[in-house]
Amino acid sequence: MDQRQLKQADLAPVFGTGSIVSEVLSGKRQINAKQARKLADYFHLSTDLFV
Protein backbone atom coordinates (compact mmCIF):
# COMPACT_ATOMS: atom_id res chain seq x y z
CA MET A 1 0.00 0.00 0.00
CA ASP A 2 2.84 2.38 0.82
CA GLN A 3 4.55 1.82 -2.52
CA ARG A 4 1.33 2.56 -4.39
CA GLN A 5 0.32 5.36 -2.02
CA LEU A 6 -2.99 3.64 -1.25
CA LYS A 7 -5.29 4.41 1.64
CA GLN A 8 -7.53 1.95 3.45
CA ALA A 9 -10.51 3.32 1.56
CA ASP A 10 -8.85 2.32 -1.72
CA LEU A 11 -9.17 -1.34 -0.71
CA ALA A 12 -12.83 -1.15 0.32
CA PRO A 13 -14.02 -2.43 -3.09
CA VAL A 14 -11.82 -5.50 -2.63
CA PHE A 15 -13.05 -6.29 0.88
CA GLY A 16 -16.58 -4.95 0.66
CA THR A 17 -16.37 -2.32 3.40
CA GLY A 18 -13.83 -0.01 4.97
CA SER A 19 -14.39 -1.60 8.37
CA ILE A 20 -13.30 -5.00 7.06
CA VAL A 21 -10.17 -3.42 5.58
CA SER A 22 -9.42 -1.89 8.97
CA GLU A 23 -9.91 -5.21 10.76
CA VAL A 24 -7.65 -7.06 8.32
CA LEU A 25 -4.90 -4.46 8.53
CA SER A 26 -5.05 -4.40 12.32
CA GLY A 27 -4.86 -8.20 12.52
CA LYS A 28 -8.34 -8.64 13.99
CA ARG A 29 -9.57 -10.53 10.91
CA GLN A 30 -7.86 -12.91 8.51
CA ILE A 31 -8.10 -12.72 4.75
CA ASN A 32 -10.39 -15.36 3.28
CA ALA A 33 -9.85 -17.14 -0.05
CA LYS A 34 -12.18 -14.83 -2.00
CA GLN A 35 -10.45 -11.73 -0.65
CA ALA A 36 -7.03 -13.25 -1.42
CA ARG A 37 -8.06 -13.75 -5.05
CA LYS A 38 -9.38 -10.19 -5.28
CA LEU A 39 -6.19 -8.78 -3.73
CA ALA A 40 -4.06 -10.84 -6.10
CA ASP A 41 -5.99 -9.45 -9.06
CA TYR A 42 -5.86 -5.91 -7.69
CA PHE A 43 -2.11 -5.96 -7.09
CA HIS A 44 -1.27 -8.31 -10.01
CA LEU A 45 0.41 -10.80 -7.67
CA SER A 46 0.07 -14.46 -6.79
CA THR A 47 -2.85 -15.45 -4.57
CA ASP A 48 -0.37 -17.41 -2.43
CA LEU A 49 1.06 -14.17 -1.09
CA PHE A 50 -2.23 -13.35 0.64
CA VAL A 51 -3.16 -16.73 2.07
PDB file of N, CA and C in Angstrom:
ATOM      1  N   MET A   1       0.826  -1.187   0.000  1.00  0.00           N
ATOM      2  CA  MET A   1       0.000   0.000   0.000  1.00  0.00           C
ATOM      3  C   MET A   1       0.868   1.247   0.000  1.00  0.00           C
ATOM      4  N   ASP A   2       1.955   1.218   0.770  1.00  0.00           N
ATOM      5  CA  ASP A   2       2.838   2.380   0.820  1.00  0.00           C
ATOM      6  C   ASP A   2       3.446   2.677  -0.546  1.00  0.00           C
ATOM      7  N   GLN A   3       3.905   1.630  -1.219  1.00  0.00           N
ATOM      8  CA  GLN A   3       4.547   1.817  -2.523  1.00  0.00           C
ATOM      9  C   GLN A   3       3.596   2.406  -3.547  1.00  0.00           C
ATOM     10  N   ARG A   4       2.328   2.069  -3.434  1.00  0.00           N
ATOM     11  CA  ARG A   4       1.329   2.561  -4.388  1.00  0.00           C
ATOM     12  C   ARG A   4       0.555   3.750  -3.844  1.00  0.00           C
ATOM     13  N   GLN A   5       0.955   4.217  -2.684  1.00  0.00           N
ATOM     14  CA  GLN A   5       0.316   5.356  -2.017  1.00  0.00           C
ATOM     15  C   GLN A   5      -1.201   5.155  -1.900  1.00  0.00           C
ATOM     16  N   LEU A   6      -1.583   3.960  -1.427  1.00  0.00           N
ATOM     17  CA  LEU A   6      -2.987   3.637  -1.247  1.00  0.00           C
ATOM     18  C   LEU A   6      -3.426   3.901   0.182  1.00  0.00           C
ATOM     19  N   LYS A   7      -4.676   4.237   0.323  1.00  0.00           N
ATOM     20  CA  LYS A   7      -5.286   4.407   1.639  1.00  0.00           C
ATOM     21  C   LYS A   7      -6.206   3.220   1.884  1.00  0.00           C
ATOM     22  N   GLN A   8      -6.617   3.046   3.123  1.00  0.00           N
ATOM     23  CA  GLN A   8      -7.525   1.954   3.455  1.00  0.00           C
ATOM     24  C   GLN A   8      -8.778   2.001   2.589  1.00  0.00           C
ATOM     25  N   ALA A   9      -9.287   3.171   2.352  1.00  0.00           N
ATOM     26  CA  ALA A   9     -10.511   3.325   1.565  1.00  0.00           C
ATOM     27  C   ALA A   9     -10.337   2.805   0.135  1.00  0.00           C
ATOM     28  N   ASP A  10      -9.105   2.820  -0.370  1.00  0.00           N
ATOM     29  CA  ASP A  10      -8.851   2.322  -1.720  1.00  0.00           C
ATOM     30  C   ASP A  10      -9.085   0.822  -1.828  1.00  0.00           C
ATOM     31  N   LEU A  11      -8.979   0.110  -0.704  1.00  0.00           N
ATOM     32  CA  LEU A  11      -9.169  -1.341  -0.707  1.00  0.00           C
ATOM     33  C   LEU A  11     -10.594  -1.759  -0.354  1.00  0.00           C
ATOM     34  N   ALA A  12     -11.450  -0.819  -0.039  1.00  0.00           N
ATOM     35  CA  ALA A  12     -12.830  -1.149   0.320  1.00  0.00           C
ATOM     36  C   ALA A  12     -13.548  -1.937  -0.774  1.00  0.00           C
ATOM     37  N   PRO A  13     -13.360  -1.619  -2.059  1.00  0.00           N
ATOM     38  CA  PRO A  13     -14.017  -2.425  -3.088  1.00  0.00           C
ATOM     39  C   PRO A  13     -13.555  -3.888  -3.098  1.00  0.00           C
ATOM     40  N   VAL A  14     -12.341  -4.136  -2.680  1.00  0.00           N
ATOM     41  CA  VAL A  14     -11.820  -5.497  -2.631  1.00  0.00           C
ATOM     42  C   VAL A  14     -12.442  -6.270  -1.475  1.00  0.00           C
ATOM     43  N   PHE A  15     -12.576  -5.626  -0.324  1.00  0.00           N
ATOM     44  CA  PHE A  15     -13.054  -6.294   0.883  1.00  0.00           C
ATOM     45  C   PHE A  15     -14.550  -6.128   1.120  1.00  0.00           C
ATOM     46  N   GLY A  16     -15.149  -5.175   0.487  1.00  0.00           N
ATOM     47  CA  GLY A  16     -16.583  -4.947   0.661  1.00  0.00           C
ATOM     48  C   GLY A  16     -16.902  -3.717   1.481  1.00  0.00           C
ATOM     49  N   THR A  17     -16.164  -3.510   2.579  1.00  0.00           N
ATOM     50  CA  THR A  17     -16.375  -2.320   3.404  1.00  0.00           C
ATOM     51  C   THR A  17     -15.040  -1.832   3.969  1.00  0.00           C
ATOM     52  N   GLY A  18     -15.018  -0.574   4.347  1.00  0.00           N
ATOM     53  CA  GLY A  18     -13.834  -0.010   4.966  1.00  0.00           C
ATOM     54  C   GLY A  18     -13.553  -0.608   6.333  1.00  0.00           C
ATOM     55  N   SER A  19     -14.602  -1.022   7.037  1.00  0.00           N
ATOM     56  CA  SER A  19     -14.392  -1.597   8.366  1.00  0.00           C
ATOM     57  C   SER A  19     -13.693  -2.953   8.275  1.00  0.00           C
ATOM     58  N   ILE A  20     -13.998  -3.718   7.233  1.00  0.00           N
ATOM     59  CA  ILE A  20     -13.303  -5.003   7.057  1.00  0.00           C
ATOM     60  C   ILE A  20     -11.838  -4.757   6.723  1.00  0.00           C
ATOM     61  N   VAL A  21     -11.564  -3.779   5.890  1.00  0.00           N
ATOM     62  CA  VAL A  21     -10.175  -3.419   5.576  1.00  0.00           C
ATOM     63  C   VAL A  21      -9.431  -3.094   6.861  1.00  0.00           C
ATOM     64  N   SER A  22     -10.034  -2.285   7.700  1.00  0.00           N
ATOM     65  CA  SER A  22      -9.423  -1.893   8.966  1.00  0.00           C
ATOM     66  C   SER A  22      -9.138  -3.102   9.855  1.00  0.00           C
ATOM     67  N   GLU A  23     -10.096  -4.017   9.934  1.00  0.00           N
ATOM     68  CA  GLU A  23      -9.915  -5.210  10.761  1.00  0.00           C
ATOM     69  C   GLU A  23      -8.805  -6.102  10.230  1.00  0.00           C
ATOM     70  N   VAL A  24      -8.717  -6.246   8.917  1.00  0.00           N
ATOM     71  CA  VAL A  24      -7.651  -7.065   8.321  1.00  0.00           C
ATOM     72  C   VAL A  24      -6.291  -6.424   8.580  1.00  0.00           C
ATOM     73  N   LEU A  25      -6.185  -5.133   8.355  1.00  0.00           N
ATOM     74  CA  LEU A  25      -4.900  -4.456   8.530  1.00  0.00           C
ATOM     75  C   LEU A  25      -4.455  -4.403   9.986  1.00  0.00           C
ATOM     76  N   SER A  26      -5.403  -4.431  10.903  1.00  0.00           N
ATOM     77  CA  SER A  26      -5.046  -4.402  12.323  1.00  0.00           C
ATOM     78  C   SER A  26      -4.820  -5.804  12.896  1.00  0.00           C
ATOM     79  N   GLY A  27      -5.083  -6.830  12.077  1.00  0.00           N
ATOM     80  CA  GLY A  27      -4.862  -8.199  12.523  1.00  0.00           C
ATOM     81  C   GLY A  27      -6.038  -8.819  13.251  1.00  0.00           C
ATOM     82  N   LYS A  28      -7.160  -8.128  13.303  1.00  0.00           N
ATOM     83  CA  LYS A  28      -8.343  -8.645  13.992  1.00  0.00           C
ATOM     84  C   LYS A  28      -9.122  -9.643  13.142  1.00  0.00           C
ATOM     85  N   ARG A  29      -8.869  -9.645  11.841  1.00  0.00           N
ATOM     86  CA  ARG A  29      -9.568 -10.534  10.912  1.00  0.00           C
ATOM     87  C   ARG A  29      -8.566 -11.064   9.901  1.00  0.00           C
ATOM     88  N   GLN A  30      -8.719 -12.319   9.526  1.00  0.00           N
ATOM     89  CA  GLN A  30      -7.856 -12.912   8.508  1.00  0.00           C
ATOM     90  C   GLN A  30      -8.484 -12.753   7.130  1.00  0.00           C
ATOM     91  N   ILE A  31      -7.641 -12.792   6.130  1.00  0.00           N
ATOM     92  CA  ILE A  31      -8.101 -12.715   4.750  1.00  0.00           C
ATOM     93  C   ILE A  31      -8.643 -14.081   4.349  1.00  0.00           C
ATOM     94  N   ASN A  32      -9.845 -14.100   3.754  1.00  0.00           N
ATOM     95  CA  ASN A  32     -10.393 -15.365   3.281  1.00  0.00           C
ATOM     96  C   ASN A  32      -9.957 -15.602   1.830  1.00  0.00           C
ATOM     97  N   ALA A  33     -10.300 -16.759   1.288  1.00  0.00           N
ATOM     98  CA  ALA A  33      -9.855 -17.143  -0.054  1.00  0.00           C
ATOM     99  C   ALA A  33     -10.360 -16.178  -1.130  1.00  0.00           C
ATOM    100  N   LYS A  34     -11.609 -15.761  -1.006  1.00  0.00           N
ATOM    101  CA  LYS A  34     -12.177 -14.835  -1.999  1.00  0.00           C
ATOM    102  C   LYS A  34     -11.443 -13.492  -1.975  1.00  0.00           C
ATOM    103  N   GLN A  35     -11.175 -13.000  -0.785  1.00  0.00           N
ATOM    104  CA  GLN A  35     -10.451 -11.734  -0.647  1.00  0.00           C
ATOM    105  C   GLN A  35      -9.025 -11.867  -1.165  1.00  0.00           C
ATOM    106  N   ALA A  36      -8.393 -13.015  -0.927  1.00  0.00           N
ATOM    107  CA  ALA A  36      -7.032 -13.249  -1.417  1.00  0.00           C
ATOM    108  C   ALA A  36      -6.997 -13.194  -2.939  1.00  0.00           C
ATOM    109  N   ARG A  37      -7.993 -13.795  -3.587  1.00  0.00           N
ATOM    110  CA  ARG A  37      -8.057 -13.748  -5.054  1.00  0.00           C
ATOM    111  C   ARG A  37      -8.262 -12.318  -5.544  1.00  0.00           C
ATOM    112  N   LYS A  38      -9.136 -11.579  -4.877  1.00  0.00           N
ATOM    113  CA  LYS A  38      -9.379 -10.193  -5.282  1.00  0.00           C
ATOM    114  C   LYS A  38      -8.132  -9.328  -5.086  1.00  0.00           C
ATOM    115  N   LEU A  39      -7.434  -9.537  -3.969  1.00  0.00           N
ATOM    116  CA  LEU A  39      -6.192  -8.784  -3.729  1.00  0.00           C
ATOM    117  C   LEU A  39      -5.131  -9.133  -4.769  1.00  0.00           C
ATOM    118  N   ALA A  40      -5.027 -10.409  -5.097  1.00  0.00           N
ATOM    119  CA  ALA A  40      -4.056 -10.841  -6.102  1.00  0.00           C
ATOM    120  C   ALA A  40      -4.341 -10.177  -7.443  1.00  0.00           C
ATOM    121  N   ASP A  41      -5.615 -10.120  -7.808  1.00  0.00           N
ATOM    122  CA  ASP A  41      -5.986  -9.448  -9.059  1.00  0.00           C
ATOM    123  C   ASP A  41      -5.703  -7.954  -8.984  1.00  0.00           C
ATOM    124  N   TYR A  42      -6.042  -7.353  -7.862  1.00  0.00           N
ATOM    125  CA  TYR A  42      -5.863  -5.905  -7.686  1.00  0.00           C
ATOM    126  C   TYR A  42      -4.392  -5.502  -7.782  1.00  0.00           C
ATOM    127  N   PHE A  43      -3.534  -6.287  -7.126  1.00  0.00           N
ATOM    128  CA  PHE A  43      -2.107  -5.958  -7.088  1.00  0.00           C
ATOM    129  C   PHE A  43      -1.294  -6.689  -8.159  1.00  0.00           C
ATOM    130  N   HIS A  44      -1.940  -7.529  -8.959  1.00  0.00           N
ATOM    131  CA  HIS A  44      -1.267  -8.309 -10.010  1.00  0.00           C
ATOM    132  C   HIS A  44      -0.158  -9.179  -9.422  1.00  0.00           C
ATOM    133  N   LEU A  45      -0.522  -9.909  -8.363  1.00  0.00           N
ATOM    134  CA  LEU A  45       0.407 -10.798  -7.673  1.00  0.00           C
ATOM    135  C   LEU A  45      -0.220 -12.176  -7.530  1.00  0.00           C
ATOM    136  N   SER A  46       0.558 -13.116  -7.030  1.00  0.00           N
ATOM    137  CA  SER A  46       0.069 -14.456  -6.792  1.00  0.00           C
ATOM    138  C   SER A  46      -0.859 -14.489  -5.589  1.00  0.00           C
ATOM    139  N   THR A  47      -1.908 -15.281  -5.673  1.00  0.00           N
ATOM    140  CA  THR A  47      -2.845 -15.449  -4.567  1.00  0.00           C
ATOM    141  C   THR A  47      -2.142 -15.992  -3.335  1.00  0.00           C
ATOM    142  N   ASP A  48      -1.116 -16.808  -3.540  1.00  0.00           N
ATOM    143  CA  ASP A  48      -0.373 -17.412  -2.431  1.00  0.00           C
ATOM    144  C   ASP A  48       0.207 -16.372  -1.468  1.00  0.00           C
ATOM    145  N   LEU A  49       0.488 -15.211  -1.940  1.00  0.00           N
ATOM    146  CA  LEU A  49       1.061 -14.171  -1.087  1.00  0.00           C
ATOM    147  C   LEU A  49       0.074 -13.669  -0.031  1.00  0.00           C
ATOM    148  N   PHE A  50      -1.208 -13.890  -0.259  1.00  0.00           N
ATOM    149  CA  PHE A  50      -2.234 -13.348   0.639  1.00  0.00           C
ATOM    150  C   PHE A  50      -2.899 -14.406   1.506  1.00  0.00           C
ATOM    151  N   VAL A  51      -2.535 -15.656   1.307  1.00  0.00           N
ATOM    152  CA  VAL A  51      -3.156 -16.729   2.075  1.00  0.00           C
ATOM    153  C   VAL A  51      -2.325 -17.049   3.296  1.00  0.00           C
TER     154      VAL A  51
END
